Amino acid sequence: MVGCTKANLMEIDAATNTGIDDMRNVSQSLRYAPIGGSPTKVLIVDECHRLSAAAWASLLKIIEEPPSYVYWIFCTTELSKVPQTIKTRCTSYKIERVRQKDLLHLVAFVVDAERFDVPKEIQKVIVETADGSPRQALVNLGICTHVRDVSEAKALLSGIDEDTQIIDLCRLLTKGVSWSTLIKCVEELDGTNPETIRILITRYFSKVVISAKNDRNAVQALKVLNAFSTPCNQTDGMAPILLALGEVRFG
């Protein structure tokens, strides 16, 4: 991959580009040589286990016999969901969990850099529930930036087993995707506490509002925050989440 320029690096989010047509378009683009004198093209497919069976099937030949200048990188947190026919065509690398000591340094660094008021005891809970994942630690930190009680932090973080899907849902809301795409993501959250979903969504879009570079982005993020502003009653199941999504998508 030496010499790959940004123009020849393609990142694909499998949470939104899961269909056979999406992958066929990607495959067709590989017929063209790298631009700007770069010797390689690199395609990174994030959360690749979300690709449909048809999408995987369309990639078999191009993965097995790629052009000499093409490199595929498939990233997943659920290797068991990747087809065996794909695994046999690739070399696998497993990223080991990060030590809690290092995660504590990471969380402390972000807390200082962003000037968060997060007690050391809460930071410890954040790391302990991150399962060795820097990404999870940062997600946990985002959830607990205003928490002061250790018990509350543990309660909030105990239900974040599906954090990846919740973050994916947030990303979908920023892209204005179809209702069917939103529902597909919600279905993967079955069994997750709706209040946990709501809290993470509001924390995510609070940051979007603060960092918005134009009025359009700020307005959309504020629309999401308003839709998810009412706490969820767990006995209502996913109904409050669906209503909020409908307000964002159709309101």
Protein backbone atom coordinates (compact mmCIF):
# COMPACT_ATOMS: atom_id res chain seq x y z
CA MET A 1 0.00 0.00 0.00
CA VAL A 2 3.02 2.24 -0.22
CA GLY A 3 2.26 5.49 -1.98
CA CYS A 4 -1.54 5.40 -1.69
CA THR A 5 -2.87 8.97 -1.78
CA LYS A 6 -6.08 10.21 -0.19
CA ALA A 7 -7.72 10.40 -3.62
CA ASN A 8 -7.23 6.65 -4.02
CA LEU A 9 -8.42 5.68 -0.53
CA MET A 10 -12.11 4.73 -0.38
CA GLU A 11 -13.91 4.17 2.92
CA ILE A 12 -17.23 2.32 2.81
CA ASP A 13 -19.65 2.29 5.74
CA ALA A 14 -21.42 -1.05 5.52
CA ALA A 15 -24.15 0.25 7.82
CA THR A 16 -25.52 2.32 4.93
CA ASN A 17 -23.96 0.73 1.82
CA THR A 18 -25.10 -2.86 2.19
CA GLY A 19 -26.74 -3.66 -1.12
CA ILE A 20 -25.51 -5.46 -4.20
CA ASP A 21 -25.81 -2.31 -6.34
CA ASP A 22 -23.55 -0.39 -3.94
CA MET A 23 -20.87 -3.05 -4.13
CA ARG A 24 -21.18 -3.43 -7.89
CA ASN A 25 -20.58 0.30 -8.28
CA VAL A 26 -17.49 0.00 -6.11
CA SER A 27 -16.21 -2.98 -8.10
CA GLN A 28 -16.72 -1.17 -11.38
CA SER A 29 -14.72 1.81 -10.12
CA LEU A 30 -11.73 -0.51 -9.67
CA ARG A 31 -11.39 -0.91 -13.42
CA TYR A 32 -9.77 2.51 -13.47
CA ALA A 33 -6.13 2.86 -12.47
CA PRO A 34 -5.11 5.06 -9.52
CA ILE A 35 -4.92 8.77 -10.22
CA GLY A 36 -2.19 11.26 -9.46
CA GLY A 37 0.71 8.87 -9.94
CA SER A 38 -0.26 6.73 -6.92
CA PRO A 39 0.56 3.04 -7.43
CA THR A 40 -2.32 1.69 -5.34
CA LYS A 41 -6.02 1.92 -4.53
CA VAL A 42 -7.21 0.94 -1.05
CA LEU A 43 -10.80 0.12 -0.10
CA ILE A 44 -11.72 0.02 3.59
CA VAL A 45 -15.10 -1.56 4.38
CA ASP A 46 -16.10 -0.75 7.97
CA GLU A 47 -18.46 -3.09 9.86
CA CYS A 48 -18.34 -5.41 6.86
CA HIS A 49 -20.46 -8.07 8.59
CA ARG A 50 -23.46 -5.89 7.73
CA LEU A 51 -23.12 -6.45 4.01
CA SER A 52 -25.95 -8.47 2.52
CA ALA A 53 -25.39 -11.98 1.20
CA ALA A 54 -25.93 -10.71 -2.34
CA ALA A 55 -23.37 -7.93 -1.83
CA TRP A 56 -20.78 -10.43 -0.59
CA ALA A 57 -21.48 -12.72 -3.54
CA SER A 58 -20.90 -9.86 -5.98
CA LEU A 59 -17.45 -9.28 -4.45
CA LEU A 60 -16.12 -12.83 -4.55
CA LYS A 61 -14.31 -12.59 -7.87
CA ILE A 62 -12.91 -9.08 -7.42
CA ILE A 63 -11.59 -10.06 -3.96
CA GLU A 64 -10.00 -13.26 -5.21
CA GLU A 65 -8.58 -11.70 -8.37
CA PRO A 66 -8.22 -7.96 -7.73
CA PRO A 67 -6.29 -5.69 -10.08
CA SER A 68 -2.62 -5.55 -9.08
CA TYR A 69 -3.03 -2.03 -7.69
CA VAL A 70 -6.06 -2.79 -5.45
CA TYR A 71 -6.05 -3.68 -1.74
CA TRP A 72 -9.18 -4.57 0.22
CA ILE A 73 -9.40 -4.04 3.99
CA PHE A 74 -12.45 -5.47 5.75
CA CYS A 75 -13.07 -4.35 9.34
CA THR A 76 -15.53 -6.09 11.64
CA THR A 77 -16.41 -6.55 15.27
CA GLU A 78 -18.33 -9.76 14.48
CA LEU A 79 -16.05 -12.05 12.50
CA SER A 80 -18.48 -14.97 12.80
CA LYS A 81 -20.92 -13.10 10.54
CA VAL A 82 -18.42 -12.77 7.68
CA PRO A 83 -18.96 -15.52 5.07
CA GLN A 84 -16.41 -18.34 5.09
CA THR A 85 -15.90 -17.82 1.35
CA ILE A 86 -14.60 -14.34 2.14
CA LYS A 87 -12.43 -15.44 5.07
CA THR A 88 -10.60 -17.97 2.90
CA ARG A 89 -9.73 -15.25 0.42
CA CYS A 90 -8.27 -12.89 3.01
CA THR A 91 -5.56 -12.72 5.65
CA SER A 92 -6.98 -12.06 9.12
CA TYR A 93 -5.49 -9.85 11.81
CA LYS A 94 -7.05 -9.67 15.27
CA ILE A 95 -6.56 -6.47 17.22
CA GLU A 96 -5.98 -7.28 20.88
CA ARG A 97 -7.71 -5.46 23.71
CA VAL A 98 -5.94 -2.38 25.06
CA ARG A 99 -4.74 -2.48 28.68
CA GLN A 100 -6.91 -0.64 31.21
CA LYS A 101 -3.91 1.45 32.23
CA ASP A 102 -3.57 2.76 28.67
CA LEU A 103 -7.30 3.37 28.36
CA LEU A 104 -7.22 5.39 31.58
CA HIS A 105 -4.50 7.57 30.06
CA LEU A 106 -6.62 8.02 26.93
CA VAL A 107 -9.75 8.97 28.84
CA ALA A 108 -7.83 11.33 31.12
CA PHE A 109 -6.21 12.97 28.09
CA VAL A 110 -9.58 13.59 26.41
CA VAL A 111 -11.12 14.85 29.66
CA ASP A 112 -8.29 17.39 30.02
CA ALA A 113 -8.29 18.39 26.36
CA GLU A 114 -12.08 18.91 26.24
CA ARG A 115 -12.18 20.35 29.78
CA PHE A 116 -14.80 17.84 30.92
CA ASP A 117 -15.62 17.67 34.61
CA VAL A 118 -15.53 13.88 35.00
CA PRO A 119 -14.39 12.55 38.40
CA LYS A 120 -11.62 9.96 38.52
CA GLU A 121 -14.04 7.36 39.92
CA ILE A 122 -16.31 7.81 36.88
CA GLN A 123 -13.32 7.59 34.55
CA LYS A 124 -12.44 4.26 36.13
CA VAL A 125 -15.98 2.95 35.50
CA ILE A 126 -15.78 4.19 31.94
CA VAL A 127 -12.63 2.17 31.33
CA GLU A 128 -13.77 -0.94 33.22
CA THR A 129 -16.87 -1.21 31.02
CA ALA A 130 -14.99 -0.55 27.78
CA ASP A 131 -13.78 -4.16 27.47
CA GLY A 132 -10.36 -3.07 26.23
CA SER A 133 -11.75 -0.97 23.37
CA PRO A 134 -10.58 2.66 22.93
CA ARG A 135 -13.66 3.40 20.84
CA GLN A 136 -15.95 2.01 23.53
CA ALA A 137 -14.11 4.02 26.18
CA LEU A 138 -14.73 7.24 24.24
CA VAL A 139 -18.39 6.31 23.69
CA ASN A 140 -18.72 5.66 27.43
CA LEU A 141 -17.07 9.00 28.17
CA GLY A 142 -19.57 10.75 25.90
CA ILE A 143 -22.42 9.18 27.86
CA CYS A 144 -20.98 10.09 31.25
CA THR A 145 -19.70 13.63 30.72
CA HIS A 146 -22.33 15.05 33.09
CA VAL A 147 -22.61 12.11 35.49
CA ARG A 148 -21.40 12.59 39.07
CA ASP A 149 -22.55 9.39 40.75
CA VAL A 150 -20.71 6.09 40.24
CA SER A 151 -23.93 4.07 40.54
CA GLU A 152 -25.59 6.17 37.84
CA ALA A 153 -22.58 5.73 35.56
CA LYS A 154 -22.67 1.95 36.02
CA ALA A 155 -26.41 1.89 35.34
CA LEU A 156 -26.03 3.90 32.16
CA LEU A 157 -23.10 1.89 30.84
CA SER A 158 -24.43 -1.54 31.73
CA GLY A 159 -26.86 -1.41 28.81
CA ILE A 160 -24.47 -0.27 26.10
CA ASP A 161 -23.86 -3.67 24.57
CA GLU A 162 -25.24 -2.41 21.26
CA ASP A 163 -23.31 0.87 21.16
CA THR A 164 -22.05 0.26 17.63
CA GLN A 165 -25.59 0.03 16.29
CA ILE A 166 -26.64 3.16 18.20
CA ILE A 167 -23.74 5.14 16.77
CA ASP A 168 -24.65 3.80 13.34
CA LEU A 169 -28.21 5.01 13.88
CA CYS A 170 -26.88 8.47 14.73
CA ARG A 171 -24.85 8.49 11.53
CA LEU A 172 -27.88 7.48 9.51
CA LEU A 173 -29.88 10.35 11.00
CA THR A 174 -27.25 12.83 9.82
CA LYS A 175 -27.48 11.44 6.27
CA GLY A 176 -31.25 11.62 5.84
CA VAL A 177 -31.56 8.00 4.71
CA SER A 178 -34.83 6.21 3.92
CA TRP A 179 -37.26 5.02 6.58
CA SER A 180 -36.60 1.38 5.69
CA THR A 181 -32.87 1.88 6.35
CA LEU A 182 -33.60 3.41 9.75
CA ILE A 183 -35.94 0.55 10.65
CA LYS A 184 -33.32 -2.01 9.68
CA CYS A 185 -30.90 -0.40 12.13
CA VAL A 186 -33.57 -0.23 14.87
CA GLU A 187 -34.31 -3.94 14.45
CA GLU A 188 -30.70 -4.69 15.35
CA LEU A 189 -31.24 -2.85 18.64
CA ASP A 190 -34.01 -5.20 19.75
CA GLY A 191 -33.71 -5.76 23.50
CA THR A 192 -31.69 -2.58 24.15
CA ASN A 193 -33.07 -0.20 26.78
CA PRO A 194 -34.80 2.60 24.80
CA GLU A 195 -33.66 5.21 27.34
CA THR A 196 -30.06 4.14 26.73
CA ILE A 197 -30.62 4.66 23.00
CA ARG A 198 -32.17 8.07 23.61
CA ILE A 199 -29.38 9.25 25.91
CA LEU A 200 -26.64 8.23 23.51
CA ILE A 201 -28.42 9.88 20.58
CA THR A 202 -28.84 13.16 22.47
CA ARG A 203 -25.21 13.15 23.61
CA TYR A 204 -24.09 12.46 20.04
CA PHE A 205 -26.15 15.28 18.52
CA SER A 206 -25.28 17.74 21.28
CA LYS A 207 -21.72 17.46 20.03
CA VAL A 208 -22.92 17.83 16.44
CA VAL A 209 -24.70 21.07 17.33
CA ILE A 210 -21.65 22.50 19.09
CA SER A 211 -19.32 21.64 16.21
CA ALA A 212 -21.75 22.48 13.37
CA LYS A 213 -19.99 24.42 10.61
CA ASN A 214 -23.16 25.83 9.04
CA ASP A 215 -26.79 26.63 9.93
CA ARG A 216 -28.17 23.67 7.97
CA ASN A 217 -26.22 21.12 10.01
CA ALA A 218 -27.12 22.89 13.26
CA VAL A 219 -30.84 22.95 12.39
CA GLN A 220 -30.89 19.24 11.56
CA ALA A 221 -29.05 18.31 14.76
CA LEU A 222 -31.39 20.49 16.85
CA LYS A 223 -34.34 18.78 15.19
CA VAL A 224 -33.01 15.41 16.34
CA LEU A 225 -32.36 16.70 19.87
CA ASN A 226 -35.91 18.01 20.09
CA ALA A 227 -37.39 14.73 18.87
CA PHE A 228 -35.45 12.74 21.47
CA SER A 229 -35.79 15.22 24.35
CA THR A 230 -38.45 13.28 26.30
CA PRO A 231 -37.20 10.42 28.52
CA CYS A 232 -38.35 6.93 27.47
CA ASN A 233 -40.42 4.62 29.64
CA GLN A 234 -39.00 1.12 29.26
CA THR A 235 -42.49 -0.39 29.44
CA ASP A 236 -43.31 1.33 26.14
CA GLY A 237 -40.60 -0.64 24.38
CA MET A 238 -39.26 0.90 21.18
CA ALA A 239 -42.39 2.98 20.53
CA PRO A 240 -40.86 6.28 21.79
CA ILE A 241 -37.76 5.71 19.65
CA LEU A 242 -39.87 4.98 16.56
CA LEU A 243 -42.00 8.08 17.16
CA ALA A 244 -38.90 10.24 17.54
CA LEU A 245 -37.38 8.80 14.38
CA GLY A 246 -40.62 9.47 12.53
CA GLU A 247 -40.61 13.07 13.73
CA VAL A 248 -37.05 13.53 12.46
CA ARG A 249 -37.66 11.78 9.15
CA PHE A 250 -41.15 13.06 8.28
CA GLY A 251 -41.75 16.01 10.59
